[in-house]
């Protein structure tokens, strides 16, 4: 009984191993190729549970998702102006014919990316060679990427893959060219700045000259108006004096004598030599006699 149980257990173990080795699973992210003695006998592109002959057949899996090929270092290309530019790009691709992919590159992802890189570089050299720096930097950048994708896709189909997208991440001038461009830009900006300063200085001188001219005109007009007002005032004062003199000649004579006294004795150090009987002291004598 013990021997029978051991034998049965052994048989079951062998069956389990045989069944497990005859089953393989393909999920939604993969494609699979079934080989028999090294030859491709079947391709599985749909997810599911499949069977194979143990030992005689084996399975190899391939990623069916979109893969990325990214350049490690920027590539140097020449534009139609014979100027060097550094281009950094990446390519999105995926396997669409896994059997052709295996036959062409032995299912080696590195070989497939090398093939794609050669194709993309070749088409990029053609496109950049027909365009200026402005076109590749901004003017026709989207158009260039689409053309490169189409050209790369034609060759990619030969190895069973599809190029989904080609993107230019960065397009720069080499360092030595960038330094030269920056120096020219700096010189140009300085030239423009000097022109603006010269123009500003000329405009400032013009404004100052015009302001000085307006100042002189305003002062001249103000002086003329002041002289006119003073003349009118003097005329009115003379008329008042004349009218007052006609009404009271004696008062007018007294007023003029008082003004003369004020001017004559303005300073204490002034000396005036006159005869006592002079008419200059007429009203002073009168005031003295009145006090007596």
C-alpha atoms as a PDB file:
ATOM      1  CA  UNK A   1       0.000   0.000   0.000  1.00  0.00           C
ATOM      2  CA  UNK A   2       2.808   2.338   0.837  1.00  0.00           C
ATOM      3  CA  UNK A   3       4.546   1.617  -2.456  1.00  0.00           C
ATOM      4  CA  UNK A   4       1.328   2.277  -4.379  1.00  0.00           C
ATOM      5  CA  UNK A   5       0.862   5.639  -2.643  1.00  0.00           C
ATOM      6  CA  UNK A   6       4.420   6.637  -3.405  1.00  0.00           C
ATOM      7  CA  UNK A   7       4.020   5.664  -7.048  1.00  0.00           C
ATOM      8  CA  UNK A   8       0.746   7.539  -7.322  1.00  0.00           C
ATOM      9  CA  UNK A   9       2.307  10.588  -5.707  1.00  0.00           C
ATOM     10  CA  UNK A  10       5.194  10.416  -8.172  1.00  0.00           C
ATOM     11  CA  UNK A  11       2.838  10.107 -11.134  1.00  0.00           C
ATOM     12  CA  UNK A  12       0.800  13.094  -9.970  1.00  0.00           C
ATOM     13  CA  UNK A  13       3.944  15.141  -9.500  1.00  0.00           C
ATOM     14  CA  UNK A  14       5.080  14.323 -13.019  1.00  0.00           C
ATOM     15  CA  UNK A  15       1.658  15.216 -14.396  1.00  0.00           C
ATOM     16  CA  UNK A  16       1.645  18.546 -12.568  1.00  0.00           C
ATOM     17  CA  UNK A  17       5.109  19.364 -13.883  1.00  0.00           C
ATOM     18  CA  UNK A  18       4.124  18.298 -17.395  1.00  0.00           C
ATOM     19  CA  UNK A  19       0.943  20.344 -17.346  1.00  0.00           C
ATOM     20  CA  UNK A  20       2.643  23.428 -15.874  1.00  0.00           C
ATOM     21  CA  UNK A  21       5.435  23.264 -18.435  1.00  0.00           C
ATOM     22  CA  UNK A  22       2.897  22.959 -21.246  1.00  0.00           C
ATOM     23  CA  UNK A  23       1.025  26.125 -20.256  1.00  0.00           C
ATOM     24  CA  UNK A  24       2.134  29.715 -20.872  1.00  0.00           C
ATOM     25  CA  UNK A  25       0.345  33.009 -20.314  1.00  0.00           C
ATOM     26  CA  UNK A  26       0.471  36.141 -22.468  1.00  0.00           C
ATOM     27  CA  UNK A  27      -0.766  39.318 -20.779  1.00  0.00           C
ATOM     28  CA  UNK A  28      -2.043  42.509 -22.416  1.00  0.00           C
ATOM     29  CA  UNK A  29       1.395  44.172 -22.358  1.00  0.00           C
ATOM     30  CA  UNK A  30       3.140  41.404 -24.276  1.00  0.00           C
ATOM     31  CA  UNK A  31       3.360  39.462 -27.486  1.00  0.00           C
ATOM     32  CA  UNK A  32       4.825  35.980 -27.686  1.00  0.00           C
ATOM     33  CA  UNK A  33       6.542  33.761 -30.242  1.00  0.00           C
ATOM     34  CA  UNK A  34       6.347  29.986 -29.924  1.00  0.00           C
ATOM     35  CA  UNK A  35       9.483  28.145 -31.094  1.00  0.00           C
ATOM     36  CA  UNK A  36       9.926  24.470 -31.856  1.00  0.00           C
ATOM     37  CA  UNK A  37      13.512  23.338 -32.134  1.00  0.00           C
ATOM     38  CA  UNK A  38      14.532  26.947 -32.876  1.00  0.00           C
ATOM     39  CA  UNK A  39      11.930  27.550 -35.590  1.00  0.00           C
ATOM     40  CA  UNK A  40       9.001  29.935 -35.269  1.00  0.00           C
ATOM     41  CA  UNK A  41       5.782  27.914 -35.228  1.00  0.00           C
ATOM     42  CA  UNK A  42       3.264  30.384 -33.808  1.00  0.00           C
ATOM     43  CA  UNK A  43       2.785  34.029 -32.780  1.00  0.00           C
ATOM     44  CA  UNK A  44       0.492  35.170 -29.992  1.00  0.00           C
ATOM     45  CA  UNK A  45      -0.540  38.827 -30.031  1.00  0.00           C
ATOM     46  CA  UNK A  46      -3.668  38.549 -27.873  1.00  0.00           C
ATOM     47  CA  UNK A  47      -3.583  38.060 -24.094  1.00  0.00           C
ATOM     48  CA  UNK A  48      -4.666  34.664 -22.794  1.00  0.00           C
ATOM     49  CA  UNK A  49      -3.709  31.153 -21.672  1.00  0.00           C
ATOM     50  CA  UNK A  50      -1.964  28.961 -24.265  1.00  0.00           C
ATOM     51  CA  UNK A  51      -0.443  25.471 -24.519  1.00  0.00           C
ATOM     52  CA  UNK A  52       2.857  24.207 -25.864  1.00  0.00           C
ATOM     53  CA  UNK A  53       4.713  20.930 -26.072  1.00  0.00           C
ATOM     54  CA  UNK A  54       7.056  20.624 -23.110  1.00  0.00           C
ATOM     55  CA  UNK A  55      10.767  20.462 -23.885  1.00  0.00           C
ATOM     56  CA  UNK A  56      10.209  20.501 -27.646  1.00  0.00           C
ATOM     57  CA  UNK A  57       8.711  23.962 -27.679  1.00  0.00           C
ATOM     58  CA  UNK A  58       9.685  27.181 -25.901  1.00  0.00           C
ATOM     59  CA  UNK A  59       8.229  30.712 -25.714  1.00  0.00           C
ATOM     60  CA  UNK A  60       9.834  34.130 -25.957  1.00  0.00           C
ATOM     61  CA  UNK A  61       8.009  37.280 -24.872  1.00  0.00           C
ATOM     62  CA  UNK A  62       8.228  40.791 -26.364  1.00  0.00           C
ATOM     63  CA  UNK A  63       6.963  44.080 -24.988  1.00  0.00           C
ATOM     64  CA  UNK A  64       3.991  45.421 -26.976  1.00  0.00           C
ATOM     65  CA  UNK A  65       3.913  48.812 -25.213  1.00  0.00           C
ATOM     66  CA  UNK A  66       5.242  52.064 -26.704  1.00  0.00           C
ATOM     67  CA  UNK A  67       8.989  52.226 -26.133  1.00  0.00           C
ATOM     68  CA  UNK A  68      11.282  55.253 -26.043  1.00  0.00           C
ATOM     69  CA  UNK A  69      14.613  55.752 -27.767  1.00  0.00           C
ATOM     70  CA  UNK A  70      16.349  58.778 -26.239  1.00  0.00           C
ATOM     71  CA  UNK A  71      19.661  60.171 -27.482  1.00  0.00           C
ATOM     72  CA  UNK A  72      22.399  60.214 -24.870  1.00  0.00           C
ATOM     73  CA  UNK A  73      24.301  63.128 -26.437  1.00  0.00           C
ATOM     74  CA  UNK A  74      23.086  65.858 -28.820  1.00  0.00           C
ATOM     75  CA  UNK A  75      23.850  65.175 -32.484  1.00  0.00           C
ATOM     76  CA  UNK A  76      25.521  67.804 -34.711  1.00  0.00           C
ATOM     77  CA  UNK A  77      23.801  68.721 -37.998  1.00  0.00           C
ATOM     78  CA  UNK A  78      24.462  71.333 -40.691  1.00  0.00           C
ATOM     79  CA  UNK A  79      21.769  73.710 -41.963  1.00  0.00           C
ATOM     80  CA  UNK A  80      21.412  75.171 -45.464  1.00  0.00           C
ATOM     81  CA  UNK A  81      23.409  78.178 -44.207  1.00  0.00           C
ATOM     82  CA  UNK A  82      26.337  75.848 -43.428  1.00  0.00           C
ATOM     83  CA  UNK A  83      25.869  76.436 -39.719  1.00  0.00           C
ATOM     84  CA  UNK A  84      26.225  73.693 -37.133  1.00  0.00           C
ATOM     85  CA  UNK A  85      23.396  72.994 -34.709  1.00  0.00           C
ATOM     86  CA  UNK A  86      23.160  70.534 -31.833  1.00  0.00           C
ATOM     87  CA  UNK A  87      19.951  68.516 -31.749  1.00  0.00           C
ATOM     88  CA  UNK A  88      18.602  66.483 -28.843  1.00  0.00           C
ATOM     89  CA  UNK A  89      15.645  64.229 -29.706  1.00  0.00           C
ATOM     90  CA  UNK A  90      13.680  61.148 -28.738  1.00  0.00           C
ATOM     91  CA  UNK A  91      11.675  58.565 -30.706  1.00  0.00           C
ATOM     92  CA  UNK A  92       8.550  56.711 -29.599  1.00  0.00           C
ATOM     93  CA  UNK A  93       8.143  53.272 -31.214  1.00  0.00           C
ATOM     94  CA  UNK A  94       6.457  49.920 -30.714  1.00  0.00           C
ATOM     95  CA  UNK A  95       6.478  46.410 -32.141  1.00  0.00           C
ATOM     96  CA  UNK A  96       3.621  45.769 -34.597  1.00  0.00           C
ATOM     97  CA  UNK A  97       4.879  42.594 -36.339  1.00  0.00           C
ATOM     98  CA  UNK A  98       6.671  40.533 -33.732  1.00  0.00           C
ATOM     99  CA  UNK A  99       7.662  37.762 -36.146  1.00  0.00           C
ATOM    100  CA  UNK A 100       9.276  40.209 -38.578  1.00  0.00           C
ATOM    101  CA  UNK A 101      10.863  41.981 -35.608  1.00  0.00           C
ATOM    102  CA  UNK A 102      12.474  38.705 -34.502  1.00  0.00           C
ATOM    103  CA  UNK A 103      13.633  37.792 -37.988  1.00  0.00           C
ATOM    104  CA  UNK A 104      15.110  41.256 -38.709  1.00  0.00           C
ATOM    105  CA  UNK A 105      16.880  42.085 -35.437  1.00  0.00           C
ATOM    106  CA  UNK A 106      16.672  38.739 -33.586  1.00  0.00           C
ATOM    107  CA  UNK A 107      14.277  40.424 -31.169  1.00  0.00           C
ATOM    108  CA  UNK A 108      17.106  42.579 -29.798  1.00  0.00           C
ATOM    109  CA  UNK A 109      15.782  45.957 -28.634  1.00  0.00           C
ATOM    110  CA  UNK A 110      19.247  47.534 -28.770  1.00  0.00           C
ATOM    111  CA  UNK A 111      19.680  46.518 -32.418  1.00  0.00           C
ATOM    112  CA  UNK A 112      16.221  47.849 -33.262  1.00  0.00           C
ATOM    113  CA  UNK A 113      17.019  51.206 -31.662  1.00  0.00           C
ATOM    114  CA  UNK A 114      20.345  51.375 -33.513  1.00  0.00           C
ATOM    115  CA  UNK A 115      18.483  50.827 -36.795  1.00  0.00           C
ATOM    116  CA  UNK A 116      15.923  53.512 -35.905  1.00  0.00           C
ATOM    117  CA  UNK A 117      18.638  55.955 -34.861  1.00  0.00           C
ATOM    118  CA  UNK A 118      20.417  55.543 -38.208  1.00  0.00           C
ATOM    119  CA  UNK A 119      17.193  56.101 -40.118  1.00  0.00           C
ATOM    120  CA  UNK A 120      16.190  59.154 -38.094  1.00  0.00           C
ATOM    121  CA  UNK A 121      19.664  60.702 -38.339  1.00  0.00           C
ATOM    122  CA  UNK A 122      19.748  60.206 -42.086  1.00  0.00           C
ATOM    123  CA  UNK A 123      16.354  61.855 -42.630  1.00  0.00           C
ATOM    124  CA  UNK A 124      17.242  64.625 -40.191  1.00  0.00           C
ATOM    125  CA  UNK A 125      20.425  65.480 -42.091  1.00  0.00           C
ATOM    126  CA  UNK A 126      18.390  65.772 -45.276  1.00  0.00           C
ATOM    127  CA  UNK A 127      15.767  67.996 -43.662  1.00  0.00           C
ATOM    128  CA  UNK A 128      18.220  70.230 -41.812  1.00  0.00           C
ATOM    129  CA  UNK A 129      20.369  70.579 -44.923  1.00  0.00           C
ATOM    130  CA  UNK A 130      17.414  72.159 -46.745  1.00  0.00           C
ATOM    131  CA  UNK A 131      16.444  74.608 -43.987  1.00  0.00           C
ATOM    132  CA  UNK A 132      17.839  77.624 -42.161  1.00  0.00           C
ATOM    133  CA  UNK A 133      18.546  77.894 -38.449  1.00  0.00           C
ATOM    134  CA  UNK A 134      15.330  79.856 -37.960  1.00  0.00           C
ATOM    135  CA  UNK A 135      13.322  77.115 -39.693  1.00  0.00           C
ATOM    136  CA  UNK A 136      14.713  74.288 -37.565  1.00  0.00           C
ATOM    137  CA  UNK A 137      14.456  76.252 -34.319  1.00  0.00           C
ATOM    138  CA  UNK A 138      10.914  77.533 -34.635  1.00  0.00           C
ATOM    139  CA  UNK A 139       9.662  78.215 -38.146  1.00  0.00           C
ATOM    140  CA  UNK A 140       9.117  74.660 -39.463  1.00  0.00           C
ATOM    141  CA  UNK A 141       9.941  72.554 -36.432  1.00  0.00           C
ATOM    142  CA  UNK A 142       6.616  70.696 -36.319  1.00  0.00           C
ATOM    143  CA  UNK A 143       6.784  70.005 -40.053  1.00  0.00           C
ATOM    144  CA  UNK A 144      10.314  68.618 -39.742  1.00  0.00           C
ATOM    145  CA  UNK A 145       9.282  66.255 -36.925  1.00  0.00           C
ATOM    146  CA  UNK A 146       6.342  64.909 -38.923  1.00  0.00           C
ATOM    147  CA  UNK A 147       8.461  64.356 -42.041  1.00  0.00           C
ATOM    148  CA  UNK A 148      11.104  62.530 -40.007  1.00  0.00           C
ATOM    149  CA  UNK A 149       8.446  60.339 -38.404  1.00  0.00           C
ATOM    150  CA  UNK A 150       7.032  59.379 -41.790  1.00  0.00           C
ATOM    151  CA  UNK A 151      10.447  58.620 -43.276  1.00  0.00           C
ATOM    152  CA  UNK A 152      11.569  56.648 -40.237  1.00  0.00           C
ATOM    153  CA  UNK A 153       8.311  54.718 -40.202  1.00  0.00           C
ATOM    154  CA  UNK A 154       8.829  53.527 -43.790  1.00  0.00           C
ATOM    155  CA  UNK A 155      12.122  51.887 -42.830  1.00  0.00           C
ATOM    156  CA  UNK A 156      10.857  50.782 -39.408  1.00  0.00           C
ATOM    157  CA  UNK A 157       8.134  48.657 -40.987  1.00  0.00           C
ATOM    158  CA  UNK A 158      10.873  46.552 -42.581  1.00  0.00           C
ATOM    159  CA  UNK A 159      11.877  45.352 -39.124  1.00  0.00           C
ATOM    160  CA  UNK A 160       8.326  44.961 -37.834  1.00  0.00           C
ATOM    161  CA  UNK A 161       8.046  48.149 -35.747  1.00  0.00           C
ATOM    162  CA  UNK A 162       6.118  51.396 -36.015  1.00  0.00           C
ATOM    163  CA  UNK A 163       7.473  54.879 -35.265  1.00  0.00           C
ATOM    164  CA  UNK A 164       4.753  56.601 -33.256  1.00  0.00           C
ATOM    165  CA  UNK A 165       6.442  59.973 -32.793  1.00  0.00           C
ATOM    166  CA  UNK A 166       9.714  61.855 -33.287  1.00  0.00           C
ATOM    167  CA  UNK A 167      10.328  64.880 -31.073  1.00  0.00           C
ATOM    168  CA  UNK A 168      13.077  67.486 -31.125  1.00  0.00           C
ATOM    169  CA  UNK A 169      13.651  68.294 -27.470  1.00  0.00           C
ATOM    170  CA  UNK A 170      16.283  70.943 -28.052  1.00  0.00           C
ATOM    171  CA  UNK A 171      18.000  72.650 -30.981  1.00  0.00           C
ATOM    172  CA  UNK A 172      21.019  74.732 -29.945  1.00  0.00           C
ATOM    173  CA  UNK A 173      24.017  76.323 -31.548  1.00  0.00           C
ATOM    174  CA  UNK A 174      27.436  74.910 -30.550  1.00  0.00           C
ATOM    175  CA  UNK A 175      29.152  76.730 -27.706  1.00  0.00           C
ATOM    176  CA  UNK A 176      31.704  78.460 -29.915  1.00  0.00           C
ATOM    177  CA  UNK A 177      28.976  79.650 -32.282  1.00  0.00           C
ATOM    178  CA  UNK A 178      26.731  80.693 -29.387  1.00  0.00           C
ATOM    179  CA  UNK A 179      29.518  82.829 -27.926  1.00  0.00           C
ATOM    180  CA  UNK A 180      30.032  84.539 -31.276  1.00  0.00           C
ATOM    181  CA  UNK A 181      26.298  85.111 -31.694  1.00  0.00           C
ATOM    182  CA  UNK A 182      25.996  86.515 -28.175  1.00  0.00           C
ATOM    183  CA  UNK A 183      28.914  88.880 -28.814  1.00  0.00           C
ATOM    184  CA  UNK A 184      27.294  90.124 -32.018  1.00  0.00           C
ATOM    185  CA  UNK A 185      23.975  90.528 -30.214  1.00  0.00           C
ATOM    186  CA  UNK A 186      25.687  92.427 -27.407  1.00  0.00           C
ATOM    187  CA  UNK A 187      27.464  94.715 -29.888  1.00  0.00           C
ATOM    188  CA  UNK A 188      24.201  95.332 -31.723  1.00  0.00           C
ATOM    189  CA  UNK A 189      22.365  96.148 -28.498  1.00  0.00           C
ATOM    190  CA  UNK A 190      25.142  98.557 -27.488  1.00  0.00           C
ATOM    191  CA  UNK A 191      24.954 100.249 -30.885  1.00  0.00           C
ATOM    192  CA  UNK A 192      21.192 100.649 -30.573  1.00  0.00           C
ATOM    193  CA  UNK A 193      21.598 101.928 -27.005  1.00  0.00           C
ATOM    194  CA  UNK A 194      24.170 104.516 -28.129  1.00  0.00           C
ATOM    195  CA  UNK A 195      21.878 105.647 -30.933  1.00  0.00           C
ATOM    196  CA  UNK A 196      19.002 106.007 -28.479  1.00  0.00           C
ATOM    197  CA  UNK A 197      21.221 107.960 -26.066  1.00  0.00           C
ATOM    198  CA  UNK A 198      22.351 110.277 -28.877  1.00  0.00           C
ATOM    199  CA  UNK A 199      18.783 110.785 -30.008  1.00  0.00           C
ATOM    200  CA  UNK A 200      17.703 111.404 -26.416  1.00  0.00           C
ATOM    201  CA  UNK A 201      20.505 113.930 -25.856  1.00  0.00           C
ATOM    202  CA  UNK A 202      19.559 115.784 -29.039  1.00  0.00           C
ATOM    203  CA  UNK A 203      15.908 115.826 -28.025  1.00  0.00           C
ATOM    204  CA  UNK A 204      16.872 117.011 -24.530  1.00  0.00           C
ATOM    205  CA  UNK A 205      18.940 119.883 -25.966  1.00  0.00           C
ATOM    206  CA  UNK A 206      16.075 120.780 -28.247  1.00  0.00           C
ATOM    207  CA  UNK A 207      13.619 120.776 -25.347  1.00  0.00           C
ATOM    208  CA  UNK A 208      15.980 122.849 -23.177  1.00  0.00           C
ATOM    209  CA  UNK A 209      16.517 125.373 -25.983  1.00  0.00           C
ATOM    210  CA  UNK A 210      12.795 125.668 -26.536  1.00  0.00           C
ATOM    211  CA  UNK A 211      12.209 126.052 -22.796  1.00  0.00           C
ATOM    212  CA  UNK A 212      14.879 128.785 -22.591  1.00  0.00           C
ATOM    213  CA  UNK A 213      13.323 130.561 -25.547  1.00  0.00           C
ATOM    214  CA  UNK A 214       9.861 130.395 -23.965  1.00  0.00           C
ATOM    215  CA  UNK A 215      11.364 131.645 -20.681  1.00  0.00           C
ATOM    216  CA  UNK A 216      12.908 134.659 -22.415  1.00  0.00           C
ATOM    217  CA  UNK A 217       9.660 135.399 -24.222  1.00  0.00           C
ATOM    218  CA  UNK A 218       7.655 135.135 -21.001  1.00  0.00           C
ATOM    219  CA  UNK A 219      10.105 137.384 -19.118  1.00  0.00           C
ATOM    220  CA  UNK A 220      10.108 139.927 -21.945  1.00  0.00           C
ATOM    221  CA  UNK A 221       6.332 139.975 -22.070  1.00  0.00           C
ATOM    222  CA  UNK A 222       6.150 140.231 -18.290  1.00  0.00           C
ATOM    223  CA  UNK A 223       8.674 143.111 -18.263  1.00  0.00           C
ATOM    224  CA  UNK A 224       6.761 144.878 -21.008  1.00  0.00           C
ATOM    225  CA  UNK A 225       3.519 144.429 -19.128  1.00  0.00           C
ATOM    226  CA  UNK A 226       5.165 145.645 -15.903  1.00  0.00           C
ATOM    227  CA  UNK A 227       6.560 148.728 -17.651  1.00  0.00           C
ATOM    228  CA  UNK A 228       3.171 149.426 -19.130  1.00  0.00           C
ATOM    229  CA  UNK A 229       1.511 149.131 -15.713  1.00  0.00           C
ATOM    230  CA  UNK A 230       4.214 151.329 -14.163  1.00  0.00           C
ATOM    231  CA  UNK A 231       3.779 153.861 -16.945  1.00  0.00           C
ATOM    232  CA  UNK A 232       0.041 153.880 -16.426  1.00  0.00           C
ATOM    233  CA  UNK A 233       0.592 154.273 -12.670  1.00  0.00           C
ATOM    234  CA  UNK A 234       3.067 157.099 -13.141  1.00  0.00           C
ATOM    235  CA  UNK A 235       0.660 158.767 -15.533  1.00  0.00           C
ATOM    236  CA  UNK A 236      -2.193 158.438 -13.039  1.00  0.00           C
ATOM    237  CA  UNK A 237       0.063 159.691 -10.238  1.00  0.00           C
ATOM    238  CA  UNK A 238       1.152 162.698 -12.311  1.00  0.00           C
ATOM    239  CA  UNK A 239      -2.469 163.449 -13.119  1.00  0.00           C
ATOM    240  CA  UNK A 240      -3.362 163.240  -9.430  1.00  0.00           C
ATOM    241  CA  UNK A 241      -0.411 165.488  -8.551  1.00  0.00           C
ATOM    242  CA  UNK A 242      -1.407 167.997 -11.199  1.00  0.00           C
ATOM    243  CA  UNK A 243      -5.016 167.997 -10.079  1.00  0.00           C
ATOM    244  CA  UNK A 244      -3.952 168.394  -6.457  1.00  0.00           C
ATOM    245  CA  UNK A 245      -1.592 171.248  -7.350  1.00  0.00           C
ATOM    246  CA  UNK A 246      -4.363 173.035  -9.192  1.00  0.00           C
ATOM    247  CA  UNK A 247      -6.710 172.653  -6.224  1.00  0.00           C
ATOM    248  CA  UNK A 248      -4.141 173.570  -3.511  1.00  0.00           C
ATOM    249  CA  UNK A 249      -0.827 174.882  -4.791  1.00  0.00           C
ATOM    250  CA  UNK A 250       0.343 175.686  -1.251  1.00  0.00           C
ATOM    251  CA  UNK A 251      -0.241 172.096  -0.035  1.00  0.00           C
ATOM    252  CA  UNK A 252       1.505 170.689  -3.061  1.00  0.00           C
ATOM    253  CA  UNK A 253       4.503 172.964  -2.424  1.00  0.00           C
ATOM    254  CA  UNK A 254       4.540 171.800   1.211  1.00  0.00           C
ATOM    255  CA  UNK A 255       4.375 168.156   0.173  1.00  0.00           C
ATOM    256  CA  UNK A 256       7.255 168.550  -2.209  1.00  0.00           C
ATOM    257  CA  UNK A 257       9.322 170.316   0.459  1.00  0.00           C
ATOM    258  CA  UNK A 258       8.682 167.489   2.917  1.00  0.00           C
ATOM    259  CA  UNK A 259       9.819 164.952   0.310  1.00  0.00           C
ATOM    260  CA  UNK A 260      12.917 167.041  -0.287  1.00  0.00           C
ATOM    261  CA  UNK A 261      13.648 167.126   3.452  1.00  0.00           C
ATOM    262  CA  UNK A 262      13.295 163.324   3.653  1.00  0.00           C
ATOM    263  CA  UNK A 263      15.724 162.799   0.833  1.00  0.00           C
ATOM    264  CA  UNK A 264      18.185 165.440   2.109  1.00  0.00           C
ATOM    265  CA  UNK A 265      18.305 164.179   5.692  1.00  0.00           C
ATOM    266  CA  UNK A 266      18.057 160.430   4.982  1.00  0.00           C
ATOM    267  CA  UNK A 267      21.475 159.655   6.442  1.00  0.00           C
ATOM    268  CA  UNK A 268      22.869 161.165   9.628  1.00  0.00           C
ATOM    269  CA  UNK A 269      26.291 161.633   8.048  1.00  0.00           C
ATOM    270  CA  UNK A 270      24.990 163.735   5.163  1.00  0.00           C
ATOM    271  CA  UNK A 271      26.082 167.412   5.134  1.00  0.00           C
ATOM    272  CA  UNK A 272      24.071 170.113   3.396  1.00  0.00           C
ATOM    273  CA  UNK A 273      25.406 173.695   3.109  1.00  0.00           C
ATOM    274  CA  UNK A 274      22.738 176.332   2.400  1.00  0.00           C
ATOM    275  CA  UNK A 275      22.011 179.927   3.306  1.00  0.00           C
ATOM    276  CA  UNK A 276      19.557 180.250   6.169  1.00  0.00           C
ATOM    277  CA  UNK A 277      17.409 182.536   4.022  1.00  0.00           C
ATOM    278  CA  UNK A 278      17.077 179.894   1.312  1.00  0.00           C
ATOM    279  CA  UNK A 279      13.592 178.865   0.214  1.00  0.00           C
ATOM    280  CA  UNK A 280      14.581 175.299   1.072  1.00  0.00           C
ATOM    281  CA  UNK A 281      13.952 176.110   4.765  1.00  0.00           C
ATOM    282  CA  UNK A 282      10.731 177.949   4.106  1.00  0.00           C
ATOM    283  CA  UNK A 283       8.419 175.506   5.865  1.00  0.00           C
ATOM    284  CA  UNK A 284      10.924 174.694   8.587  1.00  0.00           C
ATOM    285  CA  UNK A 285      11.131 178.386   9.447  1.00  0.00           C
ATOM    286  CA  UNK A 286       7.365 178.581   9.420  1.00  0.00           C
ATOM    287  CA  UNK A 287       7.069 175.670  11.810  1.00  0.00           C
ATOM    288  CA  UNK A 288       9.658 177.249  14.140  1.00  0.00           C
ATOM    289  CA  UNK A 289       7.888 180.641  14.152  1.00  0.00           C
ATOM    290  CA  UNK A 290       4.574 178.908  14.854  1.00  0.00           C
ATOM    291  CA  UNK A 291       6.031 177.296  17.957  1.00  0.00           C
ATOM    292  CA  UNK A 292       7.154 180.708  19.227  1.00  0.00           C
END
